[in-house]
Amino acid sequence: MGKLVDKVKGNVNEAAGKIKQHSDNPATRKEGEQQELKGKGQQIKGEIKGALGDDI
C-alpha cells in the first residue's frame, strides 16, 4: 500500500509544481520547482518500496 500512496502523492506534487511554475510571481515559480522535485522524490521512494515489498 505504501508504494501506491507515495506514487500518488508524488504525482500530485509534480502536477501542482508544474502549474505553479507558470505563475508571474518569481517566488511562486521557485516554489513550484521545489514542489515538482519533491514529487519526483516521492515517486522514487514509492518505486523503492515496491521493489522491497513495502517493508521500509
PDB file of N, CA and C in Angstrom:
ATOM      1  N   MET A   1       0.828  -1.200   0.000  1.00  0.00           N
ATOM      2  CA  MET A   1       0.000   0.000   0.000  1.00  0.00           C
ATOM      3  C   MET A   1       0.864   1.252   0.000  1.00  0.00           C
ATOM      4  N   GLY A   2       2.004   1.240   0.697  1.00  0.00           N
ATOM      5  CA  GLY A   2       2.850   2.416   0.775  1.00  0.00           C
ATOM      6  C   GLY A   2       3.377   2.859  -0.573  1.00  0.00           C
ATOM      7  N   LYS A   3       3.648   1.885  -1.427  1.00  0.00           N
ATOM      8  CA  LYS A   3       4.145   2.205  -2.763  1.00  0.00           C
ATOM      9  C   LYS A   3       3.129   3.069  -3.509  1.00  0.00           C
ATOM     10  N   LEU A   4       1.896   2.647  -3.500  1.00  0.00           N
ATOM     11  CA  LEU A   4       0.841   3.363  -4.219  1.00  0.00           C
ATOM     12  C   LEU A   4       0.637   4.764  -3.644  1.00  0.00           C
ATOM     13  N   VAL A   5       0.616   4.869  -2.333  1.00  0.00           N
ATOM     14  CA  VAL A   5       0.401   6.164  -1.676  1.00  0.00           C
ATOM     15  C   VAL A   5       1.515   7.140  -2.056  1.00  0.00           C
ATOM     16  N   ASP A   6       2.770   6.677  -1.987  1.00  0.00           N
ATOM     17  CA  ASP A   6       3.896   7.546  -2.321  1.00  0.00           C
ATOM     18  C   ASP A   6       3.854   7.976  -3.785  1.00  0.00           C
ATOM     19  N   LYS A   7       3.488   7.066  -4.666  1.00  0.00           N
ATOM     20  CA  LYS A   7       3.441   7.414  -6.080  1.00  0.00           C
ATOM     21  C   LYS A   7       2.327   8.418  -6.377  1.00  0.00           C
ATOM     22  N   VAL A   8       1.181   8.256  -5.721  1.00  0.00           N
ATOM     23  CA  VAL A   8       0.071   9.198  -5.925  1.00  0.00           C
ATOM     24  C   VAL A   8       0.447  10.579  -5.385  1.00  0.00           C
ATOM     25  N   LYS A   9       1.016  10.612  -4.175  1.00  0.00           N
ATOM     26  CA  LYS A   9       1.439  11.898  -3.605  1.00  0.00           C
ATOM     27  C   LYS A   9       2.483  12.553  -4.516  1.00  0.00           C
ATOM     28  N   GLY A  10       3.374  11.744  -5.053  1.00  0.00           N
ATOM     29  CA  GLY A  10       4.392  12.267  -5.957  1.00  0.00           C
ATOM     30  C   GLY A  10       3.790  12.870  -7.205  1.00  0.00           C
ATOM     31  N   ASN A  11       2.812  12.188  -7.780  1.00  0.00           N
ATOM     32  CA  ASN A  11       2.151  12.714  -8.978  1.00  0.00           C
ATOM     33  C   ASN A  11       1.428  14.018  -8.695  1.00  0.00           C
ATOM     34  N   VAL A  12       0.769  14.086  -7.550  1.00  0.00           N
ATOM     35  CA  VAL A  12       0.035  15.305  -7.183  1.00  0.00           C
ATOM     36  C   VAL A  12       1.012  16.472  -6.995  1.00  0.00           C
ATOM     37  N   ASN A  13       2.102  16.234  -6.281  1.00  0.00           N
ATOM     38  CA  ASN A  13       3.076  17.303  -6.056  1.00  0.00           C
ATOM     39  C   ASN A  13       3.747  17.738  -7.359  1.00  0.00           C
ATOM     40  N   GLU A  14       4.035  16.787  -8.229  1.00  0.00           N
ATOM     41  CA  GLU A  14       4.636  17.145  -9.513  1.00  0.00           C
ATOM     42  C   GLU A  14       3.689  18.024 -10.327  1.00  0.00           C
ATOM     43  N   ALA A  15       2.431  17.624 -10.397  1.00  0.00           N
ATOM     44  CA  ALA A  15       1.453  18.386 -11.174  1.00  0.00           C
ATOM     45  C   ALA A  15       1.262  19.787 -10.598  1.00  0.00           C
ATOM     46  N   ALA A  16       1.118  19.882  -9.279  1.00  0.00           N
ATOM     47  CA  ALA A  16       0.936  21.191  -8.643  1.00  0.00           C
ATOM     48  C   ALA A  16       2.166  22.060  -8.868  1.00  0.00           C
ATOM     49  N   GLY A  17       3.341  21.453  -8.775  1.00  0.00           N
ATOM     50  CA  GLY A  17       4.576  22.205  -9.006  1.00  0.00           C
ATOM     51  C   GLY A  17       4.673  22.737 -10.415  1.00  0.00           C
ATOM     52  N   LYS A  18       4.283  21.927 -11.378  1.00  0.00           N
ATOM     53  CA  LYS A  18       4.327  22.364 -12.783  1.00  0.00           C
ATOM     54  C   LYS A  18       3.369  23.529 -13.021  1.00  0.00           C
ATOM     55  N   ILE A  19       2.212  23.476 -12.393  1.00  0.00           N
ATOM     56  CA  ILE A  19       1.236  24.562 -12.535  1.00  0.00           C
ATOM     57  C   ILE A  19       1.801  25.854 -11.944  1.00  0.00           C
ATOM     58  N   LYS A  20       2.395  25.758 -10.755  1.00  0.00           N
ATOM     59  CA  LYS A  20       2.950  26.941 -10.092  1.00  0.00           C
ATOM     60  C   LYS A  20       4.088  27.563 -10.901  1.00  0.00           C
ATOM     61  N   GLN A  21       4.782  26.776 -11.678  1.00  0.00           N
ATOM     62  CA  GLN A  21       5.903  27.300 -12.458  1.00  0.00           C
ATOM     63  C   GLN A  21       5.452  28.227 -13.582  1.00  0.00           C
ATOM     64  N   HIS A  22       4.175  28.246 -13.879  1.00  0.00           N
ATOM     65  CA  HIS A  22       3.649  29.134 -14.919  1.00  0.00           C
ATOM     66  C   HIS A  22       3.143  30.458 -14.356  1.00  0.00           C
ATOM     67  N   SER A  23       3.394  30.698 -13.082  1.00  0.00           N
ATOM     68  CA  SER A  23       2.962  31.926 -12.420  1.00  0.00           C
ATOM     69  C   SER A  23       3.833  33.108 -12.855  1.00  0.00           C
ATOM     70  N   ASP A  24       3.302  34.304 -12.705  1.00  0.00           N
ATOM     71  CA  ASP A  24       4.068  35.520 -12.966  1.00  0.00           C
ATOM     72  C   ASP A  24       4.957  35.892 -11.778  1.00  0.00           C
ATOM     73  N   ASN A  25       4.674  35.318 -10.631  1.00  0.00           N
ATOM     74  CA  ASN A  25       5.408  35.613  -9.407  1.00  0.00           C
ATOM     75  C   ASN A  25       6.656  34.730  -9.319  1.00  0.00           C
ATOM     76  N   PRO A  26       7.855  35.317  -9.267  1.00  0.00           N
ATOM     77  CA  PRO A  26       9.084  34.517  -9.197  1.00  0.00           C
ATOM     78  C   PRO A  26       9.150  33.589  -7.979  1.00  0.00           C
ATOM     79  N   ALA A  27       8.627  34.040  -6.848  1.00  0.00           N
ATOM     80  CA  ALA A  27       8.643  33.200  -5.646  1.00  0.00           C
ATOM     81  C   ALA A  27       7.763  31.962  -5.835  1.00  0.00           C
ATOM     82  N   THR A  28       6.620  32.144  -6.481  1.00  0.00           N
ATOM     83  CA  THR A  28       5.722  31.024  -6.734  1.00  0.00           C
ATOM     84  C   THR A  28       6.345  30.052  -7.738  1.00  0.00           C
ATOM     85  N   ARG A  29       7.044  30.590  -8.732  1.00  0.00           N
ATOM     86  CA  ARG A  29       7.734  29.721  -9.699  1.00  0.00           C
ATOM     87  C   ARG A  29       8.786  28.866  -9.007  1.00  0.00           C
ATOM     88  N   LYS A  30       9.550  29.474  -8.106  1.00  0.00           N
ATOM     89  CA  LYS A  30      10.585  28.747  -7.368  1.00  0.00           C
ATOM     90  C   LYS A  30       9.942  27.677  -6.486  1.00  0.00           C
ATOM     91  N   GLU A  31       8.847  28.025  -5.839  1.00  0.00           N
ATOM     92  CA  GLU A  31       8.118  27.063  -5.008  1.00  0.00           C
ATOM     93  C   GLU A  31       7.637  25.889  -5.869  1.00  0.00           C
ATOM     94  N   GLY A  32       7.195  26.192  -7.075  1.00  0.00           N
ATOM     95  CA  GLY A  32       6.741  25.148  -7.989  1.00  0.00           C
ATOM     96  C   GLY A  32       7.861  24.206  -8.384  1.00  0.00           C
ATOM     97  N   GLU A  33       9.047  24.749  -8.618  1.00  0.00           N
ATOM     98  CA  GLU A  33      10.197  23.907  -8.952  1.00  0.00           C
ATOM     99  C   GLU A  33      10.508  22.960  -7.803  1.00  0.00           C
ATOM    100  N   GLN A  34      10.484  23.500  -6.580  1.00  0.00           N
ATOM    101  CA  GLN A  34      10.783  22.690  -5.404  1.00  0.00           C
ATOM    102  C   GLN A  34       9.713  21.617  -5.189  1.00  0.00           C
ATOM    103  N   GLN A  35       8.465  21.978  -5.417  1.00  0.00           N
ATOM    104  CA  GLN A  35       7.375  21.031  -5.220  1.00  0.00           C
ATOM    105  C   GLN A  35       7.446  19.915  -6.265  1.00  0.00           C
ATOM    106  N   GLU A  36       7.828  20.264  -7.489  1.00  0.00           N
ATOM    107  CA  GLU A  36       7.971  19.244  -8.525  1.00  0.00           C
ATOM    108  C   GLU A  36       9.089  18.260  -8.153  1.00  0.00           C
ATOM    109  N   LEU A  37      10.200  18.781  -7.659  1.00  0.00           N
ATOM    110  CA  LEU A  37      11.300  17.907  -7.237  1.00  0.00           C
ATOM    111  C   LEU A  37      10.880  17.006  -6.078  1.00  0.00           C
ATOM    112  N   LYS A  38      10.106  17.563  -5.152  1.00  0.00           N
ATOM    113  CA  LYS A  38       9.597  16.763  -4.028  1.00  0.00           C
ATOM    114  C   LYS A  38       8.745  15.609  -4.557  1.00  0.00           C
ATOM    115  N   GLY A  39       7.914  15.904  -5.544  1.00  0.00           N
ATOM    116  CA  GLY A  39       7.064  14.872  -6.136  1.00  0.00           C
ATOM    117  C   GLY A  39       7.877  13.780  -6.801  1.00  0.00           C
ATOM    118  N   LYS A  40       8.928  14.167  -7.493  1.00  0.00           N
ATOM    119  CA  LYS A  40       9.788  13.168  -8.130  1.00  0.00           C
ATOM    120  C   LYS A  40      10.447  12.281  -7.078  1.00  0.00           C
ATOM    121  N   GLY A  41      10.851  12.888  -5.972  1.00  0.00           N
ATOM    122  CA  GLY A  41      11.439  12.119  -4.878  1.00  0.00           C
ATOM    123  C   GLY A  41      10.448  11.137  -4.276  1.00  0.00           C
ATOM    124  N   GLN A  42       9.210  11.571  -4.129  1.00  0.00           N
ATOM    125  CA  GLN A  42       8.185  10.689  -3.572  1.00  0.00           C
ATOM    126  C   GLN A  42       7.927   9.506  -4.506  1.00  0.00           C
ATOM    127  N   GLN A  43       7.964   9.755  -5.800  1.00  0.00           N
ATOM    128  CA  GLN A  43       7.756   8.662  -6.741  1.00  0.00           C
ATOM    129  C   GLN A  43       8.905   7.659  -6.672  1.00  0.00           C
ATOM    130  N   ILE A  44      10.120   8.159  -6.541  1.00  0.00           N
ATOM    131  CA  ILE A  44      11.275   7.264  -6.402  1.00  0.00           C
ATOM    132  C   ILE A  44      11.144   6.439  -5.128  1.00  0.00           C
ATOM    133  N   LYS A  45      10.724   7.085  -4.053  1.00  0.00           N
ATOM    134  CA  LYS A  45      10.513   6.388  -2.777  1.00  0.00           C
ATOM    135  C   LYS A  45       9.485   5.262  -2.964  1.00  0.00           C
ATOM    136  N   GLY A  46       8.425   5.541  -3.705  1.00  0.00           N
ATOM    137  CA  GLY A  46       7.405   4.528  -3.968  1.00  0.00           C
ATOM    138  C   GLY A  46       7.959   3.365  -4.771  1.00  0.00           C
ATOM    139  N   GLU A  47       8.823   3.657  -5.739  1.00  0.00           N
ATOM    140  CA  GLU A  47       9.442   2.596  -6.529  1.00  0.00           C
ATOM    141  C   GLU A  47      10.322   1.712  -5.653  1.00  0.00           C
ATOM    142  N   ILE A  48      11.077   2.335  -4.777  1.00  0.00           N
ATOM    143  CA  ILE A  48      11.958   1.574  -3.863  1.00  0.00           C
ATOM    144  C   ILE A  48      11.118   0.686  -2.950  1.00  0.00           C
ATOM    145  N   LYS A  49      10.049   1.260  -2.402  1.00  0.00           N
ATOM    146  CA  LYS A  49       9.156   0.461  -1.537  1.00  0.00           C
ATOM    147  C   LYS A  49       8.587  -0.723  -2.321  1.00  0.00           C
ATOM    148  N   GLY A  50       8.221  -0.495  -3.554  1.00  0.00           N
ATOM    149  CA  GLY A  50       7.663  -1.580  -4.369  1.00  0.00           C
ATOM    150  C   GLY A  50       8.697  -2.669  -4.613  1.00  0.00           C
ATOM    151  N   ALA A  51       9.932  -2.265  -4.856  1.00  0.00           N
ATOM    152  CA  ALA A  51      10.996  -3.238  -5.110  1.00  0.00           C
ATOM    153  C   ALA A  51      11.321  -4.047  -3.858  1.00  0.00           C
ATOM    154  N   LEU A  52      11.139  -3.439  -2.696  1.00  0.00           N
ATOM    155  CA  LEU A  52      11.469  -4.121  -1.437  1.00  0.00           C
ATOM    156  C   LEU A  52      10.241  -4.719  -0.760  1.00  0.00           C
ATOM    157  N   GLY A  53       9.117  -4.631  -1.410  1.00  0.00           N
ATOM    158  CA  GLY A  53       7.903  -5.219  -0.853  1.00  0.00           C
ATOM    159  C   GLY A  53       7.267  -4.398   0.251  1.00  0.00           C
ATOM    160  N   ASP A  54       7.352  -3.088   0.197  1.00  0.00           N
ATOM    161  CA  ASP A  54       6.743  -2.184   1.185  1.00  0.00           C
ATOM    162  C   ASP A  54       7.252  -2.411   2.599  1.00  0.00           C
ATOM    163  N   ASP A  55       8.432  -3.022   2.756  1.00  0.00           N
ATOM    164  CA  ASP A  55       8.957  -3.306   4.093  1.00  0.00           C
ATOM    165  C   ASP A  55       9.684  -2.124   4.721  1.00  0.00           C
ATOM    166  N   ILE A  56       9.863  -1.041   3.976  1.00  0.00           N
ATOM    167  CA  ILE A  56      10.594   0.092   4.555  1.00  0.00           C
ATOM    168  C   ILE A  56       9.634   1.196   4.922  1.00  0.00           C
TER     169      ILE A  56
END
